[in-house]
Amino acid sequence: MPGEAIWPASNFQRWVMAAARDRPWLAGPWFTMNAEVLLSGPVDRRVLGTALAELLRRHEVLRTRVVDDDAGPLQVVSGKAVAVVEDTDGDESLHVPVDSASPLVVRVARRGPREHVLFLHLHHMIADPETVWGVLTELGALYSAYSGGGAPPAAPGAQYGQYAAFEEDRRRSGRQAARQWWADTVGDHGFVRAHGGRAPYAYRDVLLEPDELATAHRLAKTHRATILTTLFAALACAVRPRFGAGRVMFTTVFGQRDRPEWRRVLGPCIVPAFVPLPAPPERLDAEYARAVRDTVLGCRRHCRPEPHSGAVPAGPVPFFEYVPDRWPTAVRFGAATGRVVNAAGPKDFGGARGFAVRARVDHRGALTAHVSGDVWSDVVAREVLGGLAAQIRRRVTEVDFRRLTTR
């Protein structure tokens, strides 16, 4: 393995380093992505350590630390791979601290001769949800190969540093077009503001039951939109009673794995972005859904880590993220089978600001969310998110009624 390598920092890493100046926890040990995997069958710790060592050798990002150089943030790849499978010592917490300079922690708890629990903890600076599942899947494949189960999986076609270099080239070449798009989209329009001051809170809840989520997907097709843009449109309508009738600015995170060469790359192929939505109507309709779709698509194309002058309203900006369902159903570890039983992002210490909703599909097919903030009380937050489901149900009823009456 060669010595240290240097790559530019990615858009996401640049954003984290900048935001950490005001929110140091973003670069701290609890800013992590985590998964808990139940392993049914025999597990050889020595073979698991060998598989982990090979995984670290294959993927530079798992040996990477991000530093703030005079020229800006950089990725520094270590030439050494230290593979340690830790024992939980009875601590089966989903969250443990992870040093950003050693960004992957693997722990194993033994519950019996044929039952173990595998914990994966990755610093968010070098991981997104796709990375967690990629690490799990490849670790299982390597374990299977080293335990006599066949050939190892194919080596990665690209490294995360190459993705970051591609981002940097695109950022430079598309800067003028991005500035023009933001000027045309935002202009001198004002945005309604949310005011904080409440005690911080955090909770988990179900946004849409499985049948309601299926309905939302059907509605998205009706509007020639995506589930993300449909949820954005419904949420904007739901917050109107609290924000007012003006335009609403959200923030979100967009995935950037649209090119084939980046689909299997480990590392955070994501970028935070502002989303300046049109003023929502009281009731979700097709025209507004399409307007939101077009705005979100433009944001995704022209999002950059640099702040957009004049685009961000003073005060908290609500955050909404939709994480697609990518959980592996089962992962083979030689003679054992792994099943994901829990997963979570950074540990919540109750210091939330604004209003944030991180939604994902659970094992039942329901859309669940981690909700946090200090803009409204948790009671009001539940009312707003209940309004999201109500907007979708109402719109579907209207669409179905029109279909029936036009037959």
Protein backbone atom coordinates (compact mmCIF):
# COMPACT_ATOMS: atom_id res chain seq x y z
CA MET A 1 0.00 0.00 0.00
CA PRO A 2 1.57 3.37 -1.01
CA GLY A 3 2.09 6.37 1.26
CA GLU A 4 -0.33 9.23 1.81
CA ALA A 5 -2.39 10.53 -1.11
CA ILE A 6 -4.09 13.92 -1.40
CA TRP A 7 -7.48 14.60 -3.00
CA PRO A 8 -9.68 17.70 -3.01
CA ALA A 9 -12.50 17.68 -0.47
CA SER A 10 -15.94 16.91 -1.85
CA ASN A 11 -18.86 19.34 -1.81
CA PHE A 12 -20.32 17.63 1.25
CA GLN A 13 -17.01 17.67 3.11
CA ARG A 14 -16.54 21.36 2.30
CA TRP A 15 -20.00 22.07 3.67
CA VAL A 16 -19.30 20.12 6.88
CA MET A 17 -16.01 21.92 7.49
CA ALA A 18 -17.64 25.32 6.95
CA ALA A 19 -20.71 24.54 9.06
CA ALA A 20 -18.57 23.10 11.87
CA ARG A 21 -17.23 26.58 12.62
CA ASP A 22 -20.62 27.41 14.13
CA ARG A 23 -21.62 23.83 14.99
CA PRO A 24 -18.44 22.02 16.10
CA TRP A 25 -20.30 18.75 16.66
CA LEU A 26 -20.46 18.28 12.87
CA ALA A 27 -16.74 17.48 12.86
CA GLY A 28 -16.91 15.70 16.20
CA PRO A 29 -17.01 12.00 17.09
CA TRP A 30 -20.82 11.67 17.22
CA PHE A 31 -21.45 12.83 13.64
CA THR A 32 -21.82 9.25 12.43
CA MET A 33 -23.78 6.77 10.31
CA ASN A 34 -24.61 3.54 12.11
CA ALA A 35 -26.07 0.09 11.47
CA GLU A 36 -26.87 -2.91 13.65
CA VAL A 37 -26.83 -6.31 11.92
CA LEU A 38 -27.98 -9.59 13.47
CA LEU A 39 -25.77 -12.50 12.31
CA SER A 40 -27.39 -15.92 12.51
CA GLY A 41 -24.86 -18.74 12.19
CA PRO A 42 -21.21 -19.29 13.10
CA VAL A 43 -18.85 -16.29 12.91
CA ASP A 44 -15.05 -16.53 12.83
CA ARG A 45 -13.58 -13.32 14.28
CA ARG A 46 -10.20 -13.96 12.66
CA VAL A 47 -11.74 -14.23 9.19
CA LEU A 48 -13.82 -11.13 9.87
CA GLY A 49 -10.63 -9.22 10.71
CA THR A 50 -9.00 -10.40 7.47
CA ALA A 51 -12.04 -9.30 5.47
CA LEU A 52 -12.01 -5.91 7.19
CA ALA A 53 -8.32 -5.43 6.39
CA GLU A 54 -8.98 -6.12 2.71
CA LEU A 55 -11.95 -3.74 2.72
CA LEU A 56 -9.74 -0.96 4.11
CA ARG A 57 -7.07 -1.71 1.53
CA ARG A 58 -9.56 -1.53 -1.34
CA HIS A 59 -11.25 1.75 -0.38
CA GLU A 60 -9.19 4.86 0.23
CA VAL A 61 -12.10 6.75 1.78
CA LEU A 62 -12.11 4.36 4.77
CA ARG A 63 -8.52 5.50 5.48
CA THR A 64 -9.19 9.20 4.89
CA ARG A 65 -9.17 12.23 7.14
CA VAL A 66 -10.29 15.71 6.04
CA VAL A 67 -8.03 18.62 6.94
CA ASP A 68 -8.46 22.38 6.54
CA ASP A 69 -5.41 23.49 4.57
CA ASP A 70 -4.47 27.08 3.74
CA ALA A 71 -5.81 26.43 0.24
CA GLY A 72 -9.05 24.96 1.62
CA PRO A 73 -10.28 21.55 2.80
CA LEU A 74 -8.40 18.50 1.52
CA GLN A 75 -8.70 14.73 1.82
CA VAL A 76 -5.60 12.99 3.13
CA VAL A 77 -5.52 9.23 2.52
CA SER A 78 -3.39 7.18 4.91
CA GLY A 79 -1.12 4.55 3.42
CA LYS A 80 -1.70 2.33 6.45
CA ALA A 81 -4.78 0.22 7.11
CA VAL A 82 -5.32 -0.79 10.73
CA ALA A 83 -8.13 -3.36 10.87
CA VAL A 84 -9.56 -3.93 14.34
CA VAL A 85 -12.77 -5.79 15.11
CA GLU A 86 -13.72 -4.53 18.56
CA ASP A 87 -15.65 -6.42 21.20
CA THR A 88 -18.67 -4.53 22.51
CA ASP A 89 -17.90 -5.53 26.12
CA GLY A 90 -21.62 -5.69 26.76
CA ASP A 91 -22.30 -2.24 25.25
CA GLU A 92 -24.70 -2.78 22.35
CA SER A 93 -25.39 0.91 21.79
CA LEU A 94 -26.25 1.89 18.23
CA HIS A 95 -24.13 5.02 18.65
CA VAL A 96 -20.47 5.13 19.66
CA PRO A 97 -17.93 7.92 19.11
CA VAL A 98 -15.83 7.66 15.94
CA ASP A 99 -12.59 9.58 15.45
CA SER A 100 -12.76 11.35 12.09
CA ALA A 101 -9.10 10.42 11.52
CA SER A 102 -10.02 6.69 11.83
CA PRO A 103 -13.48 6.89 10.33
CA LEU A 104 -14.68 3.26 10.50
CA VAL A 105 -15.40 1.32 13.70
CA VAL A 106 -16.55 -2.32 13.54
CA ARG A 107 -17.82 -4.00 16.72
CA VAL A 108 -19.15 -7.48 17.39
CA ALA A 109 -21.26 -8.76 20.28
CA ARG A 110 -21.49 -12.50 20.91
CA ARG A 111 -24.91 -13.61 22.09
CA GLY A 112 -24.31 -17.31 21.58
CA PRO A 113 -22.31 -19.77 19.46
CA ARG A 114 -24.58 -19.14 16.48
CA GLU A 115 -25.78 -15.59 17.12
CA HIS A 116 -23.74 -12.40 16.97
CA VAL A 117 -24.51 -8.73 16.44
CA LEU A 118 -22.33 -6.71 14.06
CA PHE A 119 -22.20 -2.94 14.52
CA LEU A 120 -20.91 -0.60 11.81
CA HIS A 121 -20.09 3.00 12.72
CA LEU A 122 -18.76 5.40 10.06
CA HIS A 123 -17.98 9.07 10.48
CA HIS A 124 -20.45 11.04 8.37
CA MET A 125 -17.55 13.03 6.91
CA ILE A 126 -16.69 9.97 4.80
CA ALA A 127 -20.04 8.20 4.55
CA ASP A 128 -23.65 8.49 3.45
CA PRO A 129 -26.37 5.81 3.76
CA GLU A 130 -25.26 4.15 0.52
CA THR A 131 -21.76 3.86 1.97
CA VAL A 132 -23.03 2.05 5.06
CA TRP A 133 -24.80 -0.56 2.94
CA GLY A 134 -21.85 -0.80 0.56
CA VAL A 135 -19.49 -1.48 3.48
CA LEU A 136 -21.85 -4.11 4.89
CA THR A 137 -22.39 -5.89 1.57
CA GLU A 138 -18.72 -5.95 0.56
CA LEU A 139 -17.56 -6.96 4.04
CA GLY A 140 -19.94 -9.91 3.89
CA ALA A 141 -18.75 -10.88 0.41
CA LEU A 142 -15.09 -10.72 1.46
CA TYR A 143 -15.80 -12.74 4.60
CA SER A 144 -17.57 -15.36 2.50
CA ALA A 145 -14.63 -15.53 0.08
CA TYR A 146 -12.04 -15.89 2.84
CA SER A 147 -14.07 -18.55 4.62
CA GLY A 148 -14.06 -20.74 1.51
CA GLY A 149 -17.14 -19.40 -0.23
CA GLY A 150 -15.66 -18.56 -3.62
CA ALA A 151 -13.90 -15.67 -5.33
CA PRO A 152 -13.80 -12.22 -3.69
CA PRO A 153 -15.97 -9.46 -5.16
CA ALA A 154 -14.64 -7.28 -7.95
CA ALA A 155 -12.38 -4.43 -6.91
CA PRO A 156 -13.92 -0.94 -6.92
CA GLY A 157 -13.87 0.78 -10.27
CA ALA A 158 -13.16 4.21 -8.78
CA GLN A 159 -12.10 5.85 -5.53
CA TYR A 160 -13.95 8.57 -3.66
CA GLY A 161 -11.11 11.01 -4.32
CA GLN A 162 -11.82 10.68 -8.03
CA TYR A 163 -15.46 11.51 -7.37
CA ALA A 164 -14.39 14.62 -5.41
CA ALA A 165 -12.08 15.69 -8.24
CA PHE A 166 -14.97 15.28 -10.70
CA GLU A 167 -17.15 17.43 -8.44
CA GLU A 168 -14.50 20.12 -8.30
CA ASP A 169 -14.24 20.24 -12.10
CA ARG A 170 -18.02 20.43 -12.44
CA ARG A 171 -18.23 23.09 -9.74
CA ARG A 172 -15.77 25.31 -11.58
CA SER A 173 -17.21 24.78 -15.05
CA GLY A 174 -20.83 25.26 -13.96
CA ARG A 175 -20.38 28.18 -11.58
CA GLN A 176 -21.66 30.88 -13.93
CA ALA A 177 -24.73 28.88 -14.98
CA ALA A 178 -25.50 28.15 -11.33
CA ARG A 179 -25.27 31.81 -10.37
CA GLN A 180 -27.60 32.74 -13.22
CA TRP A 181 -30.13 30.07 -12.26
CA TRP A 182 -30.17 31.22 -8.66
CA ALA A 183 -30.51 34.86 -9.70
CA ASP A 184 -33.46 34.00 -11.96
CA THR A 185 -35.12 31.68 -9.43
CA VAL A 186 -34.63 33.70 -6.26
CA GLY A 187 -34.24 37.25 -7.52
CA ASP A 188 -35.48 39.81 -5.02
CA HIS A 189 -38.27 37.59 -3.73
CA GLY A 190 -38.62 37.42 0.02
CA PHE A 191 -39.23 34.24 1.96
CA VAL A 192 -41.38 33.70 4.99
CA ARG A 193 -39.40 33.17 8.18
CA ALA A 194 -39.66 30.74 11.02
CA HIS A 195 -38.74 31.98 14.47
CA GLY A 196 -37.08 29.80 17.11
CA GLY A 197 -37.10 30.11 20.85
CA ARG A 198 -38.83 26.91 21.92
CA ALA A 199 -37.13 24.25 24.00
CA PRO A 200 -35.32 21.82 21.67
CA TYR A 201 -37.03 18.48 21.11
CA ALA A 202 -36.51 15.31 19.09
CA TYR A 203 -38.73 12.33 18.41
CA ARG A 204 -39.45 9.58 15.88
CA ASP A 205 -42.83 9.12 14.26
CA VAL A 206 -44.60 7.56 11.31
CA LEU A 207 -45.35 10.10 8.58
CA LEU A 208 -47.13 7.76 6.17
CA GLU A 209 -48.32 4.22 6.73
CA PRO A 210 -47.42 1.72 3.97
CA ASP A 211 -50.71 2.19 2.12
CA GLU A 212 -50.39 5.98 2.38
CA LEU A 213 -46.84 5.89 1.04
CA ALA A 214 -47.99 3.73 -1.87
CA THR A 215 -50.67 6.36 -2.48
CA ALA A 216 -48.02 9.10 -2.47
CA HIS A 217 -46.01 7.21 -5.10
CA ARG A 218 -49.16 6.88 -7.21
CA LEU A 219 -49.81 10.59 -6.84
CA ALA A 220 -46.23 11.38 -7.90
CA LYS A 221 -46.76 9.45 -11.13
CA THR A 222 -50.01 11.33 -11.74
CA HIS A 223 -48.11 14.62 -11.45
CA ARG A 224 -45.16 13.29 -13.50
CA ALA A 225 -43.01 13.98 -10.47
CA THR A 226 -40.92 12.02 -7.97
CA ILE A 227 -41.77 10.95 -4.46
CA LEU A 228 -39.28 13.53 -3.12
CA THR A 229 -40.85 16.45 -4.97
CA THR A 230 -44.36 15.27 -4.03
CA LEU A 231 -43.42 15.13 -0.35
CA PHE A 232 -41.82 18.58 -0.62
CA ALA A 233 -44.99 20.01 -2.18
CA ALA A 234 -47.25 18.44 0.46
CA LEU A 235 -44.98 19.62 3.28
CA ALA A 236 -44.90 23.18 1.93
CA CYS A 237 -48.71 23.24 1.89
CA ALA A 238 -48.78 21.78 5.40
CA VAL A 239 -46.48 24.44 6.87
CA ARG A 240 -48.35 27.33 5.26
CA PRO A 241 -50.60 27.88 8.32
CA ARG A 242 -47.45 28.35 10.44
CA PHE A 243 -45.14 30.16 8.01
CA GLY A 244 -47.71 32.20 6.13
CA ALA A 245 -48.66 32.41 2.46
CA GLY A 246 -45.28 33.52 1.05
CA ARG A 247 -42.48 31.56 -0.56
CA VAL A 248 -40.79 28.91 1.58
CA MET A 249 -37.08 28.12 1.68
CA PHE A 250 -36.07 24.59 2.66
CA THR A 251 -32.71 22.88 2.86
CA THR A 252 -32.11 19.28 1.89
CA VAL A 253 -29.44 16.82 0.77
CA PHE A 254 -29.29 15.57 -2.82
CA GLY A 255 -27.71 12.28 -3.85
CA GLN A 256 -25.14 12.55 -6.64
CA ARG A 257 -24.80 8.95 -7.80
CA ASP A 258 -26.43 9.52 -11.18
CA ARG A 259 -23.32 8.49 -13.16
CA PRO A 260 -22.53 4.73 -13.43
CA GLU A 261 -18.95 5.11 -12.18
CA TRP A 262 -20.09 6.57 -8.85
CA ARG A 263 -22.83 4.07 -7.99
CA ARG A 264 -20.51 1.66 -6.16
CA VAL A 265 -18.11 4.25 -4.78
CA LEU A 266 -17.93 4.37 -0.99
CA GLY A 267 -18.11 7.89 0.41
CA PRO A 268 -20.69 10.68 0.80
CA CYS A 269 -21.86 11.29 -2.78
CA ILE A 270 -24.30 13.91 -1.53
CA VAL A 271 -24.47 17.68 -1.39
CA PRO A 272 -26.53 19.97 0.87
CA ALA A 273 -28.69 22.45 -1.00
CA PHE A 274 -31.18 25.25 -0.51
CA VAL A 275 -34.60 24.71 -2.09
CA PRO A 276 -36.55 27.96 -2.73
CA LEU A 277 -40.11 26.73 -3.27
CA PRO A 278 -42.94 28.79 -4.76
CA ALA A 279 -45.61 30.07 -2.38
CA PRO A 280 -47.82 27.09 -1.55
CA PRO A 281 -51.60 27.04 -2.00
CA GLU A 282 -53.85 25.97 0.85
CA ARG A 283 -54.46 22.64 -0.89
CA LEU A 284 -51.97 20.63 -2.89
CA ASP A 285 -52.83 20.62 -6.60
CA ALA A 286 -51.24 19.45 -9.84
CA GLU A 287 -49.97 22.89 -10.85
CA TYR A 288 -48.12 23.40 -7.58
CA ALA A 289 -46.74 19.85 -7.59
CA ARG A 290 -45.24 20.43 -11.05
CA ALA A 291 -43.84 23.83 -10.03
CA VAL A 292 -42.12 22.23 -7.04
CA ARG A 293 -40.82 19.43 -9.26
CA ASP A 294 -39.22 21.91 -11.67
CA THR A 295 -37.69 23.93 -8.82
CA VAL A 296 -36.23 20.88 -7.09
CA LEU A 297 -34.76 19.58 -10.35
CA GLY A 298 -33.15 22.98 -10.94
CA CYS A 299 -31.75 23.03 -7.41
CA ARG A 300 -30.28 19.58 -7.85
CA ARG A 301 -28.60 20.56 -11.09
CA HIS A 302 -27.22 23.88 -9.84
CA CYS A 303 -26.58 23.24 -6.15
CA ARG A 304 -23.15 24.33 -4.93
CA PRO A 305 -21.57 24.30 -1.47
CA GLU A 306 -21.05 28.06 -1.56
CA PRO A 307 -23.73 30.23 0.11
CA HIS A 308 -26.14 31.89 -2.28
CA SER A 309 -26.06 35.60 -1.56
CA GLY A 310 -29.48 36.98 -0.79
CA ALA A 311 -31.15 33.59 -1.17
CA VAL A 312 -31.31 32.54 2.45
CA PRO A 313 -33.83 34.19 4.78
CA ALA A 314 -32.73 35.29 8.22
CA GLY A 315 -33.54 32.82 10.96
CA PRO A 316 -33.90 29.03 10.86
CA VAL A 317 -34.40 27.34 7.49
CA PRO A 318 -36.44 24.11 7.71
CA PHE A 319 -34.67 20.94 6.60
CA PHE A 320 -36.30 17.97 4.88
CA GLU A 321 -34.49 14.85 3.71
CA TYR A 322 -35.94 11.75 2.09
CA VAL A 323 -33.66 8.71 2.30
CA PRO A 324 -34.66 6.02 -0.24
CA ASP A 325 -35.10 2.45 0.94
CA ARG A 326 -31.75 0.76 0.31
CA TRP A 327 -31.54 -1.60 3.28
CA PRO A 328 -30.19 -5.00 2.20
CA THR A 329 -32.74 -7.70 2.92
CA ALA A 330 -30.06 -10.25 3.84
CA VAL A 331 -26.26 -10.32 3.66
CA ARG A 332 -24.30 -13.56 3.60
CA PHE A 333 -21.27 -13.89 5.90
CA GLY A 334 -20.07 -17.36 4.95
CA ALA A 335 -22.34 -19.83 6.72
CA ALA A 336 -24.02 -17.00 8.63
CA THR A 337 -26.74 -14.67 7.40
CA GLY A 338 -26.89 -11.01 8.35
CA ARG A 339 -30.11 -9.05 8.74
CA VAL A 340 -30.20 -5.30 9.38
CA VAL A 341 -32.28 -4.65 12.49
CA ASN A 342 -31.54 -0.97 13.09
CA ALA A 343 -29.85 2.01 11.49
CA ALA A 344 -29.46 5.66 12.41
CA GLY A 345 -27.60 8.83 11.61
CA PRO A 346 -25.85 11.14 14.08
CA LYS A 347 -26.74 10.90 17.75
CA ASP A 348 -29.22 13.56 18.85
CA PHE A 349 -28.13 15.49 21.94
CA GLY A 350 -31.16 17.78 21.98
CA GLY A 351 -29.38 20.78 20.48
CA ALA A 352 -31.58 20.99 17.38
CA ARG A 353 -32.14 24.33 15.72
CA GLY A 354 -34.92 25.24 13.33
CA PHE A 355 -37.12 22.41 12.12
CA ALA A 356 -35.65 19.23 10.64
CA VAL A 357 -37.33 16.13 9.23
CA ARG A 358 -35.25 13.13 8.13
CA ALA A 359 -37.58 10.59 6.54
CA ARG A 360 -36.84 7.01 5.51
CA VAL A 361 -38.78 3.86 4.68
CA ASP A 362 -38.77 1.27 7.47
CA HIS A 363 -38.92 -2.52 7.26
CA ARG A 364 -42.75 -2.41 7.16
CA GLY A 365 -42.81 -0.10 4.16
CA ALA A 366 -43.94 2.89 6.23
CA LEU A 367 -42.35 6.32 5.89
CA THR A 368 -40.89 7.13 9.29
CA ALA A 369 -39.06 10.26 10.35
CA HIS A 370 -36.70 11.64 12.92
CA VAL A 371 -38.09 15.08 13.77
CA SER A 372 -36.20 17.72 15.73
CA GLY A 373 -36.23 21.46 16.24
CA ASP A 374 -36.91 24.48 18.38
CA VAL A 375 -39.13 26.55 16.05
CA TRP A 376 -42.41 25.10 17.26
CA SER A 377 -43.41 22.81 20.08
CA ASP A 378 -43.40 19.10 19.34
CA VAL A 379 -47.21 19.25 19.40
CA VAL A 380 -47.24 21.78 16.56
CA ALA A 381 -44.60 19.76 14.69
CA ARG A 382 -46.86 16.71 14.85
CA GLU A 383 -49.76 18.80 13.55
CA VAL A 384 -47.66 20.03 10.61
CA LEU A 385 -46.49 16.55 9.67
CA GLY A 386 -50.00 15.22 10.08
CA GLY A 387 -50.96 17.91 7.59
CA LEU A 388 -48.47 16.45 5.09
CA ALA A 389 -50.36 13.14 5.08
CA ALA A 390 -53.69 14.97 4.94
CA GLN A 391 -52.56 16.98 1.88
CA ILE A 392 -51.65 13.77 0.04
CA ARG A 393 -54.86 11.97 0.99
CA ARG A 394 -56.97 14.94 -0.06
CA ARG A 395 -55.19 15.29 -3.40
CA VAL A 396 -55.53 11.57 -4.18
CA THR A 397 -59.24 11.74 -3.39
CA GLU A 398 -59.63 14.65 -5.82
CA VAL A 399 -57.70 12.84 -8.57
CA ASP A 400 -59.71 9.63 -8.10
CA PHE A 401 -63.00 11.55 -8.08
CA ARG A 402 -62.16 13.27 -11.38
CA ARG A 403 -61.27 9.95 -12.97
CA LEU A 404 -64.59 8.47 -11.89
CA THR A 405 -66.63 11.44 -13.13
CA THR A 406 -64.89 11.59 -16.54
CA ARG A 407 -65.42 7.93 -17.45
